[in-house]
Amino acid sequence: MRNLTMGGVIRVFLPLWVCTMVQGQTAPIWSAYNDLYSGPGTGAHTTAWNEFGTLDGAPGNSGRLTNGASGGVLPVTLTISSSGTIGQGTTSGAPDRGTPAYELFNGYIDWSSGPEPTAPQINPGAEVDYVFTGLDPSRRYSFAGTSVRGGSGGNYALRWTLIELSGAASSIPAHTVGAAVYTNGLPSTEVALNTGLNSASGDYAAWENIDPGTDGAITIRCTQYTGSIPGGTANGSYGYALMALRLR
């Protein structure tokens, strides 16, 4: 920073990065989290809408999101639907401490296994949609989501999920760049995530500066990914739907 005195007025010259931060960024108004199921580690203000509806005492597949800090009900509704065969795996893992997913979701998401389906299996031809409605067209949003089956190798390394953002007028990819993320040859609205073997890398899919368009709605779609991956091809039996998500 430099100070110059000109005509008795002190002029302050800030570094370019400071000016860019002030002009191009604003503090988030709220952050909302959604867990697959509510468990001991789920945040007090985290919702638990999921594709299984009211199975095992879950609240259902659709409802309003809440402010993760205050618990205030937001004007945004999340509706989760599925088609095809979605398996009900009851064993899941967690992102390792210090990984991006741990830092993003710790304190909000419960990663423990339980009697309820904690690892939704997306079989070939199936899909899970996360539809957000009630978004303000004048505002910009960010989304992040991940899944951690917690496998230790073998077939788990081949279980990948294709995550796609649709309905947005524009967006900027902001995925993590670890071993569980693959974007080569994919459009900017898609990313492949190794949902079977994601504990050590703790990667997640994300988009920033999302313009929801005039209808105020966006969709995140998950399907099994069977394309190229580093060192081979994803050809596992299935992938996994999202276990944790954040809309900001």
C-alpha atoms as a PDB file:
ATOM      1  CA  MET A   1       0.000   0.000   0.000  1.00  0.00           C
ATOM      2  CA  ARG A   2       1.274   3.527  -0.846  1.00  0.00           C
ATOM      3  CA  ASN A   3       0.257   6.893   0.594  1.00  0.00           C
ATOM      4  CA  LEU A   4       0.713   9.996  -1.541  1.00  0.00           C
ATOM      5  CA  THR A   5      -0.031  13.548  -0.424  1.00  0.00           C
ATOM      6  CA  MET A   6      -1.385  15.715  -3.237  1.00  0.00           C
ATOM      7  CA  GLY A   7      -2.711  19.212  -2.537  1.00  0.00           C
ATOM      8  CA  GLY A   8      -3.098  18.436   1.163  1.00  0.00           C
ATOM      9  CA  VAL A   9      -5.170  15.294   0.468  1.00  0.00           C
ATOM     10  CA  ILE A  10      -3.806  11.888   1.390  1.00  0.00           C
ATOM     11  CA  ARG A  11      -4.486   9.400  -1.384  1.00  0.00           C
ATOM     12  CA  VAL A  12      -4.311   5.714  -0.515  1.00  0.00           C
ATOM     13  CA  PHE A  13      -3.406   3.197  -3.234  1.00  0.00           C
ATOM     14  CA  LEU A  14      -4.494  -0.335  -2.365  1.00  0.00           C
ATOM     15  CA  PRO A  15      -3.105  -3.509  -3.936  1.00  0.00           C
ATOM     16  CA  LEU A  16      -5.126  -4.768  -6.880  1.00  0.00           C
ATOM     17  CA  TRP A  17      -6.286  -7.899  -5.022  1.00  0.00           C
ATOM     18  CA  VAL A  18      -7.930  -5.774  -2.346  1.00  0.00           C
ATOM     19  CA  CYS A  19      -9.856  -3.764  -4.928  1.00  0.00           C
ATOM     20  CA  THR A  20     -10.952  -6.951  -6.686  1.00  0.00           C
ATOM     21  CA  MET A  21     -12.204  -8.485  -3.442  1.00  0.00           C
ATOM     22  CA  VAL A  22     -14.215  -5.398  -2.523  1.00  0.00           C
ATOM     23  CA  GLN A  23     -15.761  -4.952  -5.957  1.00  0.00           C
ATOM     24  CA  GLY A  24     -16.342  -8.575  -6.963  1.00  0.00           C
ATOM     25  CA  GLN A  25     -17.389 -10.350  -3.791  1.00  0.00           C
ATOM     26  CA  THR A  26     -20.042 -10.008  -1.139  1.00  0.00           C
ATOM     27  CA  ALA A  27     -20.474 -11.856   2.118  1.00  0.00           C
ATOM     28  CA  PRO A  28     -22.995 -14.720   1.952  1.00  0.00           C
ATOM     29  CA  ILE A  29     -26.440 -13.877   3.302  1.00  0.00           C
ATOM     30  CA  TRP A  30     -27.099 -17.477   4.368  1.00  0.00           C
ATOM     31  CA  SER A  31     -25.828 -21.028   3.961  1.00  0.00           C
ATOM     32  CA  ALA A  32     -28.228 -23.978   4.022  1.00  0.00           C
ATOM     33  CA  TYR A  33     -27.176 -27.619   4.535  1.00  0.00           C
ATOM     34  CA  ASN A  34     -29.044 -30.829   3.793  1.00  0.00           C
ATOM     35  CA  ASP A  35     -28.122 -34.241   5.197  1.00  0.00           C
ATOM     36  CA  LEU A  36     -29.263 -37.545   3.747  1.00  0.00           C
ATOM     37  CA  TYR A  37     -30.599 -38.530   7.172  1.00  0.00           C
ATOM     38  CA  SER A  38     -30.560 -36.786  10.520  1.00  0.00           C
ATOM     39  CA  GLY A  39     -28.139 -38.443  12.944  1.00  0.00           C
ATOM     40  CA  PRO A  40     -26.114 -37.546  16.046  1.00  0.00           C
ATOM     41  CA  GLY A  41     -23.658 -35.512  13.987  1.00  0.00           C
ATOM     42  CA  THR A  42     -26.236 -33.597  11.950  1.00  0.00           C
ATOM     43  CA  GLY A  43     -26.266 -29.857  12.586  1.00  0.00           C
ATOM     44  CA  ALA A  44     -29.108 -28.402  14.638  1.00  0.00           C
ATOM     45  CA  HIS A  45     -30.283 -26.363  11.656  1.00  0.00           C
ATOM     46  CA  THR A  46     -29.553 -28.906   8.897  1.00  0.00           C
ATOM     47  CA  THR A  47     -32.515 -30.312   6.977  1.00  0.00           C
ATOM     48  CA  ALA A  48     -32.766 -33.974   5.954  1.00  0.00           C
ATOM     49  CA  TRP A  49     -34.888 -34.186   2.825  1.00  0.00           C
ATOM     50  CA  ASN A  50     -33.978 -37.263   0.766  1.00  0.00           C
ATOM     51  CA  GLU A  51     -34.981 -39.465  -2.134  1.00  0.00           C
ATOM     52  CA  PHE A  52     -36.444 -42.157   0.139  1.00  0.00           C
ATOM     53  CA  GLY A  53     -39.230 -39.921   1.451  1.00  0.00           C
ATOM     54  CA  THR A  54     -40.568 -40.953   4.849  1.00  0.00           C
ATOM     55  CA  LEU A  55     -38.673 -44.245   4.979  1.00  0.00           C
ATOM     56  CA  ASP A  56     -37.261 -44.971   8.460  1.00  0.00           C
ATOM     57  CA  GLY A  57     -38.786 -41.854   9.948  1.00  0.00           C
ATOM     58  CA  ALA A  58     -37.281 -39.370   7.490  1.00  0.00           C
ATOM     59  CA  PRO A  59     -39.269 -36.135   7.068  1.00  0.00           C
ATOM     60  CA  GLY A  60     -39.962 -36.604   3.355  1.00  0.00           C
ATOM     61  CA  ASN A  61     -38.490 -35.714   0.003  1.00  0.00           C
ATOM     62  CA  SER A  62     -39.409 -32.019  -0.202  1.00  0.00           C
ATOM     63  CA  GLY A  63     -39.469 -28.950   2.002  1.00  0.00           C
ATOM     64  CA  ARG A  64     -38.027 -25.564   2.782  1.00  0.00           C
ATOM     65  CA  LEU A  65     -34.353 -25.108   3.552  1.00  0.00           C
ATOM     66  CA  THR A  66     -33.165 -23.414   6.728  1.00  0.00           C
ATOM     67  CA  ASN A  67     -30.378 -21.012   7.551  1.00  0.00           C
ATOM     68  CA  GLY A  68     -27.579 -23.211   8.876  1.00  0.00           C
ATOM     69  CA  ALA A  69     -26.508 -20.563  11.397  1.00  0.00           C
ATOM     70  CA  SER A  70     -29.827 -19.254  12.738  1.00  0.00           C
ATOM     71  CA  GLY A  71     -32.364 -21.929  11.842  1.00  0.00           C
ATOM     72  CA  GLY A  72     -34.592 -19.416  10.106  1.00  0.00           C
ATOM     73  CA  VAL A  73     -36.799 -20.886   7.396  1.00  0.00           C
ATOM     74  CA  LEU A  74     -35.693 -19.767   3.933  1.00  0.00           C
ATOM     75  CA  PRO A  75     -37.880 -19.058   0.884  1.00  0.00           C
ATOM     76  CA  VAL A  76     -36.049 -21.834  -1.015  1.00  0.00           C
ATOM     77  CA  THR A  77     -37.574 -25.299  -1.380  1.00  0.00           C
ATOM     78  CA  LEU A  78     -35.570 -28.455  -2.061  1.00  0.00           C
ATOM     79  CA  THR A  79     -37.361 -31.332  -3.795  1.00  0.00           C
ATOM     80  CA  ILE A  80     -35.529 -34.635  -4.286  1.00  0.00           C
ATOM     81  CA  SER A  81     -36.886 -37.189  -6.738  1.00  0.00           C
ATOM     82  CA  SER A  82     -35.556 -40.320  -8.385  1.00  0.00           C
ATOM     83  CA  SER A  83     -36.261 -42.644 -11.272  1.00  0.00           C
ATOM     84  CA  GLY A  84     -34.950 -46.099 -12.007  1.00  0.00           C
ATOM     85  CA  THR A  85     -33.466 -48.325  -9.327  1.00  0.00           C
ATOM     86  CA  ILE A  86     -31.942 -46.613  -6.294  1.00  0.00           C
ATOM     87  CA  GLY A  87     -30.362 -49.071  -3.870  1.00  0.00           C
ATOM     88  CA  GLN A  88     -30.463 -48.627  -0.108  1.00  0.00           C
ATOM     89  CA  GLY A  89     -26.914 -49.248   1.095  1.00  0.00           C
ATOM     90  CA  THR A  90     -26.639 -48.835   4.867  1.00  0.00           C
ATOM     91  CA  THR A  91     -22.875 -48.422   5.208  1.00  0.00           C
ATOM     92  CA  SER A  92     -21.066 -45.170   4.458  1.00  0.00           C
ATOM     93  CA  GLY A  93     -17.799 -43.464   5.219  1.00  0.00           C
ATOM     94  CA  ALA A  94     -16.648 -39.949   5.998  1.00  0.00           C
ATOM     95  CA  PRO A  95     -14.139 -37.498   4.530  1.00  0.00           C
ATOM     96  CA  ASP A  96     -10.810 -37.576   6.330  1.00  0.00           C
ATOM     97  CA  ARG A  97     -10.107 -34.775   8.755  1.00  0.00           C
ATOM     98  CA  GLY A  98      -8.588 -31.771   6.999  1.00  0.00           C
ATOM     99  CA  THR A  99      -9.897 -32.633   3.528  1.00  0.00           C
ATOM    100  CA  PRO A 100     -12.018 -30.094   1.621  1.00  0.00           C
ATOM    101  CA  ALA A 101     -15.292 -31.945   2.276  1.00  0.00           C
ATOM    102  CA  TYR A 102     -14.477 -32.239   5.978  1.00  0.00           C
ATOM    103  CA  GLU A 103     -13.773 -28.533   6.235  1.00  0.00           C
ATOM    104  CA  LEU A 104     -16.954 -27.645   4.348  1.00  0.00           C
ATOM    105  CA  PHE A 105     -19.429 -29.988   6.045  1.00  0.00           C
ATOM    106  CA  ASN A 106     -18.016 -30.728   9.499  1.00  0.00           C
ATOM    107  CA  GLY A 107     -20.581 -29.852  12.150  1.00  0.00           C
ATOM    108  CA  TYR A 108     -23.457 -29.933   9.674  1.00  0.00           C
ATOM    109  CA  ILE A 109     -23.501 -33.484   8.239  1.00  0.00           C
ATOM    110  CA  ASP A 110     -23.629 -36.847  10.018  1.00  0.00           C
ATOM    111  CA  TRP A 111     -21.488 -39.378   8.126  1.00  0.00           C
ATOM    112  CA  SER A 112     -22.148 -42.397  10.355  1.00  0.00           C
ATOM    113  CA  SER A 113     -23.794 -45.581   9.131  1.00  0.00           C
ATOM    114  CA  GLY A 114     -27.136 -46.693  10.446  1.00  0.00           C
ATOM    115  CA  PRO A 115     -30.194 -48.830   9.787  1.00  0.00           C
ATOM    116  CA  GLU A 116     -31.523 -46.250   7.342  1.00  0.00           C
ATOM    117  CA  PRO A 117     -30.097 -45.985   3.797  1.00  0.00           C
ATOM    118  CA  THR A 118     -26.906 -43.943   4.209  1.00  0.00           C
ATOM    119  CA  ALA A 119     -25.379 -44.658   0.797  1.00  0.00           C
ATOM    120  CA  PRO A 120     -27.989 -44.347  -1.987  1.00  0.00           C
ATOM    121  CA  GLN A 121     -26.870 -46.512  -4.897  1.00  0.00           C
ATOM    122  CA  ILE A 122     -27.546 -45.156  -8.382  1.00  0.00           C
ATOM    123  CA  ASN A 123     -27.855 -48.177 -10.629  1.00  0.00           C
ATOM    124  CA  PRO A 124     -27.424 -48.055 -14.434  1.00  0.00           C
ATOM    125  CA  GLY A 125     -30.148 -45.943 -16.028  1.00  0.00           C
ATOM    126  CA  ALA A 126     -31.297 -44.423 -12.732  1.00  0.00           C
ATOM    127  CA  GLU A 127     -31.074 -40.786 -11.692  1.00  0.00           C
ATOM    128  CA  VAL A 128     -31.622 -38.589  -8.655  1.00  0.00           C
ATOM    129  CA  ASP A 129     -32.677 -34.944  -9.046  1.00  0.00           C
ATOM    130  CA  TYR A 130     -32.206 -32.194  -6.461  1.00  0.00           C
ATOM    131  CA  VAL A 131     -34.452 -29.317  -7.511  1.00  0.00           C
ATOM    132  CA  PHE A 132     -34.133 -25.932  -5.813  1.00  0.00           C
ATOM    133  CA  THR A 133     -37.037 -23.525  -6.324  1.00  0.00           C
ATOM    134  CA  GLY A 134     -37.827 -20.109  -4.896  1.00  0.00           C
ATOM    135  CA  LEU A 135     -34.420 -18.688  -5.780  1.00  0.00           C
ATOM    136  CA  ASP A 136     -34.210 -14.928  -6.295  1.00  0.00           C
ATOM    137  CA  PRO A 137     -33.265 -14.144  -9.927  1.00  0.00           C
ATOM    138  CA  SER A 138     -31.520 -10.960  -8.762  1.00  0.00           C
ATOM    139  CA  ARG A 139     -29.124 -12.885  -6.505  1.00  0.00           C
ATOM    140  CA  ARG A 140     -26.294 -15.318  -7.183  1.00  0.00           C
ATOM    141  CA  TYR A 141     -25.861 -18.676  -5.475  1.00  0.00           C
ATOM    142  CA  SER A 142     -23.259 -21.352  -4.879  1.00  0.00           C
ATOM    143  CA  PHE A 143     -23.781 -25.098  -4.590  1.00  0.00           C
ATOM    144  CA  ALA A 144     -21.543 -27.830  -3.203  1.00  0.00           C
ATOM    145  CA  GLY A 145     -22.316 -31.521  -2.805  1.00  0.00           C
ATOM    146  CA  THR A 146     -20.529 -34.786  -2.203  1.00  0.00           C
ATOM    147  CA  SER A 147     -20.865 -38.430  -1.270  1.00  0.00           C
ATOM    148  CA  VAL A 148     -18.428 -40.672   0.618  1.00  0.00           C
ATOM    149  CA  ARG A 149     -19.136 -44.393   0.548  1.00  0.00           C
ATOM    150  CA  GLY A 150     -15.811 -44.951   2.288  1.00  0.00           C
ATOM    151  CA  GLY A 151     -14.605 -47.957   0.319  1.00  0.00           C
ATOM    152  CA  SER A 152     -11.006 -49.104   0.621  1.00  0.00           C
ATOM    153  CA  GLY A 153     -10.163 -49.984  -2.975  1.00  0.00           C
ATOM    154  CA  GLY A 154     -11.049 -52.569  -5.588  1.00  0.00           C
ATOM    155  CA  ASN A 155     -14.500 -52.028  -7.055  1.00  0.00           C
ATOM    156  CA  TYR A 156     -15.004 -48.862  -4.977  1.00  0.00           C
ATOM    157  CA  ALA A 157     -12.418 -47.076  -7.094  1.00  0.00           C
ATOM    158  CA  LEU A 158     -14.654 -47.677 -10.121  1.00  0.00           C
ATOM    159  CA  ARG A 159     -17.883 -46.332  -8.601  1.00  0.00           C
ATOM    160  CA  TRP A 160     -18.281 -42.830  -9.975  1.00  0.00           C
ATOM    161  CA  THR A 161     -21.199 -40.407 -10.199  1.00  0.00           C
ATOM    162  CA  LEU A 162     -21.902 -37.823 -12.885  1.00  0.00           C
ATOM    163  CA  ILE A 163     -23.173 -34.617 -11.273  1.00  0.00           C
ATOM    164  CA  GLU A 164     -24.823 -32.073 -13.570  1.00  0.00           C
ATOM    165  CA  LEU A 165     -26.131 -28.559 -12.982  1.00  0.00           C
ATOM    166  CA  SER A 166     -29.069 -27.560 -15.194  1.00  0.00           C
ATOM    167  CA  GLY A 167     -31.575 -24.716 -15.331  1.00  0.00           C
ATOM    168  CA  ALA A 168     -29.033 -22.001 -14.513  1.00  0.00           C
ATOM    169  CA  ALA A 169     -28.580 -19.078 -16.871  1.00  0.00           C
ATOM    170  CA  SER A 170     -24.856 -19.111 -16.025  1.00  0.00           C
ATOM    171  CA  SER A 171     -22.429 -20.537 -13.479  1.00  0.00           C
ATOM    172  CA  ILE A 172     -18.732 -21.009 -12.746  1.00  0.00           C
ATOM    173  CA  PRO A 173     -17.325 -24.465 -11.855  1.00  0.00           C
ATOM    174  CA  ALA A 174     -15.637 -24.527  -8.435  1.00  0.00           C
ATOM    175  CA  HIS A 175     -14.989 -28.240  -7.877  1.00  0.00           C
ATOM    176  CA  THR A 176     -12.115 -29.426  -5.743  1.00  0.00           C
ATOM    177  CA  VAL A 177      -9.128 -30.760  -7.672  1.00  0.00           C
ATOM    178  CA  GLY A 178      -8.265 -33.991  -5.849  1.00  0.00           C
ATOM    179  CA  ALA A 179      -8.025 -37.569  -7.062  1.00  0.00           C
ATOM    180  CA  ALA A 180     -11.794 -38.160  -6.846  1.00  0.00           C
ATOM    181  CA  VAL A 181     -12.726 -35.423  -9.349  1.00  0.00           C
ATOM    182  CA  TYR A 182     -12.606 -35.743 -13.142  1.00  0.00           C
ATOM    183  CA  THR A 183     -13.644 -33.067 -15.639  1.00  0.00           C
ATOM    184  CA  ASN A 184     -11.656 -33.846 -18.812  1.00  0.00           C
ATOM    185  CA  GLY A 185     -13.901 -33.603 -21.864  1.00  0.00           C
ATOM    186  CA  LEU A 186     -16.982 -32.730 -19.813  1.00  0.00           C
ATOM    187  CA  PRO A 187     -18.941 -29.492 -20.224  1.00  0.00           C
ATOM    188  CA  SER A 188     -18.622 -26.867 -17.491  1.00  0.00           C
ATOM    189  CA  THR A 189     -22.003 -27.916 -16.093  1.00  0.00           C
ATOM    190  CA  GLU A 190     -20.865 -31.488 -15.410  1.00  0.00           C
ATOM    191  CA  VAL A 191     -18.302 -33.207 -13.198  1.00  0.00           C
ATOM    192  CA  ALA A 192     -17.524 -36.836 -12.403  1.00  0.00           C
ATOM    193  CA  LEU A 193     -16.934 -37.699  -8.747  1.00  0.00           C
ATOM    194  CA  ASN A 194     -15.539 -40.935  -7.339  1.00  0.00           C
ATOM    195  CA  THR A 195     -18.226 -41.464  -4.720  1.00  0.00           C
ATOM    196  CA  GLY A 196     -17.034 -44.943  -3.830  1.00  0.00           C
ATOM    197  CA  LEU A 197     -13.471 -44.005  -2.846  1.00  0.00           C
ATOM    198  CA  ASN A 198     -13.549 -40.429  -1.577  1.00  0.00           C
ATOM    199  CA  SER A 199     -12.463 -40.496   2.069  1.00  0.00           C
ATOM    200  CA  ALA A 200      -8.808 -39.608   1.625  1.00  0.00           C
ATOM    201  CA  SER A 201      -9.346 -36.859  -0.935  1.00  0.00           C
ATOM    202  CA  GLY A 202     -12.625 -35.489   0.430  1.00  0.00           C
ATOM    203  CA  ASP A 203     -13.556 -33.986  -2.918  1.00  0.00           C
ATOM    204  CA  TYR A 204     -16.850 -32.350  -3.808  1.00  0.00           C
ATOM    205  CA  ALA A 205     -18.678 -30.933  -6.820  1.00  0.00           C
ATOM    206  CA  ALA A 206     -19.374 -27.207  -6.739  1.00  0.00           C
ATOM    207  CA  TRP A 207     -20.495 -24.250  -8.810  1.00  0.00           C
ATOM    208  CA  GLU A 208     -20.247 -20.578  -7.872  1.00  0.00           C
ATOM    209  CA  ASN A 209     -21.964 -17.419  -9.117  1.00  0.00           C
ATOM    210  CA  ILE A 210     -25.034 -19.383 -10.193  1.00  0.00           C
ATOM    211  CA  ASP A 211     -27.633 -17.255 -11.952  1.00  0.00           C
ATOM    212  CA  PRO A 212     -30.905 -19.160 -11.404  1.00  0.00           C
ATOM    213  CA  GLY A 213     -32.627 -17.462 -14.318  1.00  0.00           C
ATOM    214  CA  THR A 214     -36.018 -15.802 -14.356  1.00  0.00           C
ATOM    215  CA  ASP A 215     -37.851 -18.879 -13.038  1.00  0.00           C
ATOM    216  CA  GLY A 216     -35.672 -19.050  -9.918  1.00  0.00           C
ATOM    217  CA  ALA A 217     -35.037 -22.792 -10.209  1.00  0.00           C
ATOM    218  CA  ILE A 218     -31.997 -25.013 -10.706  1.00  0.00           C
ATOM    219  CA  THR A 219     -31.521 -28.778 -10.743  1.00  0.00           C
ATOM    220  CA  ILE A 220     -28.589 -30.930  -9.668  1.00  0.00           C
ATOM    221  CA  ARG A 221     -28.846 -34.351 -11.331  1.00  0.00           C
ATOM    222  CA  CYS A 222     -26.866 -37.436 -10.305  1.00  0.00           C
ATOM    223  CA  THR A 223     -26.438 -40.477 -12.569  1.00  0.00           C
ATOM    224  CA  GLN A 224     -23.908 -43.282 -12.710  1.00  0.00           C
ATOM    225  CA  TYR A 225     -20.721 -42.264 -14.518  1.00  0.00           C
ATOM    226  CA  THR A 226     -19.089 -44.857 -16.758  1.00  0.00           C
ATOM    227  CA  GLY A 227     -16.590 -42.781 -18.726  1.00  0.00           C
ATOM    228  CA  SER A 228     -12.857 -42.246 -18.665  1.00  0.00           C
ATOM    229  CA  ILE A 229     -11.054 -41.673 -15.372  1.00  0.00           C
ATOM    230  CA  PRO A 230      -7.369 -41.258 -14.574  1.00  0.00           C
ATOM    231  CA  GLY A 231      -5.691 -44.538 -15.434  1.00  0.00           C
ATOM    232  CA  GLY A 232      -8.726 -46.330 -16.783  1.00  0.00           C
ATOM    233  CA  THR A 233     -12.508 -46.403 -17.073  1.00  0.00           C
ATOM    234  CA  ALA A 234     -15.228 -46.112 -14.441  1.00  0.00           C
ATOM    235  CA  ASN A 235     -17.220 -49.318 -14.807  1.00  0.00           C
ATOM    236  CA  GLY A 236     -18.460 -50.129 -11.307  1.00  0.00           C
ATOM    237  CA  SER A 237     -21.819 -51.683 -10.626  1.00  0.00           C
ATOM    238  CA  TYR A 238     -23.284 -48.313  -9.605  1.00  0.00           C
ATOM    239  CA  GLY A 239     -22.489 -44.864  -8.234  1.00  0.00           C
ATOM    240  CA  TYR A 240     -23.842 -43.050  -5.182  1.00  0.00           C
ATOM    241  CA  ALA A 241     -26.225 -40.129  -4.864  1.00  0.00           C
ATOM    242  CA  LEU A 242     -25.286 -37.102  -2.761  1.00  0.00           C
ATOM    243  CA  MET A 243     -25.055 -37.559   0.987  1.00  0.00           C
ATOM    244  CA  ALA A 244     -24.271 -33.943   1.802  1.00  0.00           C
ATOM    245  CA  LEU A 245     -25.087 -30.655   0.107  1.00  0.00           C
ATOM    246  CA  ARG A 246     -24.849 -26.948   0.763  1.00  0.00           C
ATOM    247  CA  LEU A 247     -26.630 -24.084  -0.984  1.00  0.00           C
ATOM    248  CA  ARG A 248     -25.353 -20.601  -0.236  1.00  0.00           C
END
